[in-house]
């Protein structure tokens, strides 16, 4: 990471962006439903357990897991974006189970040592400027024998769902003065395995999970990207309106090879990792 990288500024942009897109992120969850289902199967939450959901966003994982934990279990949903958590709270129903909320930085958690049975992170680790610090915090927060389950985007070249929009942005806009951390850096299984191992985890298992999204128009694809992209969405929102519209119009050129008679069929690769705290 460049010495010019400002982690505080990066986090502020991510917070603002995810607060901006909270409802849209939730509404686009169906696009990633198979990944969420697979991550929950890997996590295997059980009745009575206490779970920590990090980078919880609008509580998609927390809301899916909490009913499985029964009346004595709970999920603590945490995120740096308080607007995301506020949206999650508004979505709770009488059948949601017990979900608690805390707006906190994953690199500096306000959690006790050796407390949780499990920790989940759905598509969130790559959004942290210092993921090594976060993984150390998560390891600290788990009980001995506790487990972590997380998902990350696949390697560069395997996630057109994100990359085609990034290609469009790179074609039309100047390169940023300071590069953002790549969202694909954990798509290298050896790298992800090493990060988990260095944080103290064992019994590490990595499984690929691929899914596809269908979009009727290039406009719909662009909207889906903006509903995912957090800090990038915030940065794009600050551009003049004509530049925003130029990007929206141009992204069709980056999707040409994914077009079919019904629109666009856009793939994405991810990894699901599970590990244990000895």
Foldseek 3Di string as FASTA:
>chain_A
DDPPDDQVVLLVLLLVLLLVLLVVLVVLCVQCVVVLVVLCVVQVAAAQFEEEEEQCFLNPNQQVCQLRNPQNYHYEYEELHVSRPVNNVVPDDPSRHHYHYDHDDLLDDPAAFQAGQEYEYEQDLQSHPCSLSNLLVVLRRHHAFHKYKYKAFAAPPFFQLQVLLVVLCPVQDPDDPDDDRDSHPPNPVVVVVVSNVVSQWPPKDKDKDKDKDFDQELLRSVSSNSSPPRSVVSVLVPDPPVSNVVSSVPSVVSQVVQQDPRYGIGMTMMMMMMTGRD
